[in-house]
Protein backbone atom coordinates (compact mmCIF):
# COMPACT_ATOMS: atom_id res chain seq x y z
CA MET A 1 -44.63 -12.65 -28.55
CA SER A 2 -43.87 -9.85 -30.98
CA CYS A 3 -40.63 -9.51 -32.97
CA ALA A 4 -39.59 -6.49 -30.90
CA THR A 5 -40.07 -8.40 -27.63
CA ALA A 6 -38.12 -11.40 -28.96
CA ARG A 7 -35.34 -9.08 -30.13
CA ASN A 8 -35.21 -7.40 -26.70
CA ASP A 9 -35.06 -10.81 -24.99
CA MET A 10 -32.23 -11.91 -27.31
CA SER A 11 -30.26 -8.68 -26.77
CA GLY A 12 -30.77 -9.02 -23.00
CA GLN A 13 -29.48 -12.60 -23.11
CA GLN A 14 -26.48 -11.49 -25.21
CA GLU A 15 -25.70 -8.79 -22.65
CA VAL A 16 -25.77 -11.38 -19.84
CA ASN A 17 -23.51 -13.68 -21.90
CA ASP A 18 -21.08 -10.80 -22.53
CA GLN A 19 -21.02 -9.92 -18.82
CA ASN A 20 -20.35 -13.57 -17.91
CA ALA A 21 -17.51 -13.73 -20.47
CA ILE A 22 -15.95 -10.57 -19.01
CA LYS A 23 -16.35 -11.88 -15.46
CA SER A 24 -14.71 -15.18 -16.39
CA ALA A 25 -11.87 -13.46 -18.26
CA VAL A 26 -11.12 -11.08 -15.38
CA GLU A 27 -11.27 -13.79 -12.72
CA SER A 28 -9.05 -16.16 -14.73
CA ARG A 29 -6.57 -13.37 -15.62
CA ARG A 30 -7.02 -13.88 -19.37
CA PHE A 31 -8.01 -10.65 -21.11
CA ILE A 32 -6.92 -7.87 -23.44
CA ILE A 33 -7.67 -4.24 -22.76
CA LYS A 34 -7.84 -2.33 -26.01
CA LEU A 35 -7.09 1.30 -25.23
CA ASP A 36 -8.91 3.91 -27.28
CA ARG A 37 -8.15 7.14 -25.36
CA MET A 38 -5.27 8.65 -23.42
CA TYR A 39 -6.07 11.48 -21.01
CA LEU A 40 -3.72 14.42 -20.62
CA ILE A 41 -3.86 17.45 -18.34
CA SER A 42 -4.88 19.56 -21.34
CA GLY A 43 -7.38 17.13 -22.88
CA MET A 44 -7.42 13.71 -24.47
CA VAL A 45 -5.93 11.88 -27.42
CA ASP A 46 -7.79 9.24 -29.45
CA LEU A 47 -5.76 6.05 -29.89
CA LYS A 48 -5.98 3.11 -32.27
CA PRO A 49 -7.12 0.12 -30.14
CA ARG A 50 -5.27 -2.35 -32.41
CA SER A 51 -1.96 -0.65 -31.53
CA ASN A 52 -2.60 0.32 -27.90
CA TYR A 53 -3.36 -2.44 -25.45
CA ILE A 54 -2.63 -4.24 -22.20
CA ILE A 55 -2.67 -8.04 -22.28
CA VAL A 56 -2.89 -10.14 -19.13
CA ASP A 57 -2.58 -13.88 -19.74
CA GLY A 58 -2.02 -15.69 -16.46
CA LYS A 59 1.25 -14.37 -15.07
CA LYS A 60 2.35 -12.93 -18.42
CA ALA A 61 1.62 -9.31 -19.28
CA ILE A 62 2.27 -7.08 -22.27
CA ILE A 63 1.87 -3.32 -22.31
CA ASN A 64 1.98 -1.54 -25.66
CA THR A 65 0.71 2.02 -25.80
CA ALA A 66 1.46 5.62 -26.68
CA TYR A 67 2.74 8.02 -24.03
CA LEU A 68 2.75 11.80 -23.81
CA GLY A 69 3.80 13.52 -20.63
CA ARG A 70 6.60 14.29 -18.25
CA GLN A 71 9.48 11.85 -18.29
CA TYR A 72 12.42 11.19 -16.04
CA ASP A 73 14.85 9.52 -18.42
CA ILE A 74 17.68 10.69 -20.64
CA ARG A 75 16.09 9.23 -23.76
CA PRO A 76 12.71 10.55 -24.97
CA ILE A 77 9.75 8.26 -24.29
CA ALA A 78 7.01 8.30 -26.92
CA GLY A 79 5.51 4.92 -26.09
CA ILE A 80 5.47 2.03 -23.67
CA ASN A 81 6.34 -1.37 -25.13
CA MET A 82 7.01 -4.02 -22.54
CA ARG A 83 6.69 -7.76 -22.04
CA GLY A 84 6.84 -8.84 -18.44
CA VAL A 85 5.36 -10.69 -15.52
CA ALA A 86 2.29 -9.56 -13.58
CA VAL A 87 3.11 -9.77 -9.88
CA ASP A 88 1.31 -8.54 -6.76
CA TYR A 89 -1.94 -9.07 -8.67
CA GLU A 90 -4.94 -7.93 -6.59
CA LEU A 91 -8.48 -8.34 -7.88
CA THR A 92 -11.33 -6.68 -6.00
CA ASN A 93 -14.86 -7.51 -7.09
CA LYS A 94 -17.26 -4.64 -6.36
CA VAL A 95 -20.42 -6.69 -7.00
CA ASN A 96 -22.81 -4.02 -5.74
CA LYS A 97 -21.30 -1.50 -8.20
CA GLY A 98 -20.85 -3.99 -11.07
CA ARG A 99 -17.11 -3.30 -11.24
CA TYR A 100 -13.75 -5.01 -10.86
CA GLU A 101 -10.61 -3.28 -9.64
CA ILE A 102 -7.20 -4.70 -10.46
CA LYS A 103 -3.89 -3.54 -9.02
CA MET A 104 -0.68 -5.17 -10.20
CA LYS A 105 2.97 -4.60 -10.91
CA VAL A 106 4.27 -5.55 -14.33
CA GLY A 107 8.02 -5.99 -14.50
CA ASN A 108 10.69 -7.47 -16.72
CA GLY A 109 13.81 -6.96 -14.60
CA ALA A 110 14.78 -3.63 -16.16
CA THR A 111 11.50 -1.74 -15.73
CA THR A 112 8.45 -2.00 -13.49
CA PHE A 113 5.05 -0.38 -13.98
CA GLN A 114 2.30 0.01 -11.43
CA VAL A 115 -0.95 -0.76 -13.25
CA TYR A 116 -4.42 0.09 -11.96
CA ILE A 117 -7.45 -1.10 -13.93
CA ASP A 118 -11.14 -0.47 -13.29
CA ILE A 119 -13.48 -2.68 -15.35
CA SER A 120 -17.26 -2.38 -15.54
CA SER A 121 -19.44 -5.46 -16.01
CA SER A 122 -20.20 -4.21 -19.55
CA GLY A 123 -16.49 -4.33 -20.44
CA SER A 124 -15.66 -0.64 -20.55
CA CYS A 125 -12.63 0.19 -18.46
CA SER A 126 -10.06 2.73 -17.39
CA ALA A 127 -6.40 2.07 -16.73
CA SER A 128 -3.54 4.07 -15.29
CA LEU A 129 0.16 3.34 -15.49
CA SER A 130 3.07 4.78 -13.58
CA SER A 131 6.77 4.06 -13.18
CA LEU A 132 9.93 5.78 -12.07
CA LYS A 133 10.54 7.09 -15.60
CA ILE A 134 7.12 8.59 -16.39
CA ASP A 135 4.30 10.45 -14.72
CA ASN A 136 1.01 8.71 -14.09
CA VAL A 137 -0.93 8.35 -17.34
CA ARG A 138 -4.61 7.46 -17.71
CA TYR A 139 -6.37 5.57 -20.50
CA SER A 140 -9.83 4.28 -21.29
CA GLY A 141 -10.88 1.35 -23.43
CA PHE A 142 -12.69 -1.96 -23.40
CA VAL A 143 -12.02 -5.55 -22.36
CA VAL A 144 -11.80 -8.45 -24.80
CA PRO A 145 -11.67 -11.93 -23.20
CA ILE A 146 -8.91 -14.31 -24.33
CA ILE A 147 -10.61 -17.52 -25.36
CA GLY A 148 -8.91 -20.91 -25.70
CA GLY A 149 -5.23 -21.81 -25.78
CA ASP A 150 -2.88 -22.97 -23.05
CA HIS A 151 -1.62 -20.58 -20.42
CA GLU A 152 0.29 -20.48 -17.16
CA ASN A 153 -1.17 -19.12 -13.96
């Protein structure tokens, strides 16, 4: 076996391991989506993934991301920063397409967001958020599994 063949086998095994980690994270509701782009009608905006994310950890959810677009509130909205509970969580596994679709509501009593997430088996994903105070906004990014620690389902 040549070095190139061994390297290809190792990278193939790593890809399978990564896909299994993503599958496990999505199915157990323990993942972070690091958002790196926001899509606008007129184009897109690059985001810093460390500052723009959606965390789902059991029933808990955190949304922290930039926002540009139409708003229906008296105060200007430049970002979404919310800790809440993920309810009405629906996971659809599209095995034949290698994708997962998640629909959920994230609320904290004062505000509720409808969240739609589409995750590929490789970990790339798209997300859209909407609420009564903002227009629908779309993002893209990647999934990072949450490993270890105690959590509530």
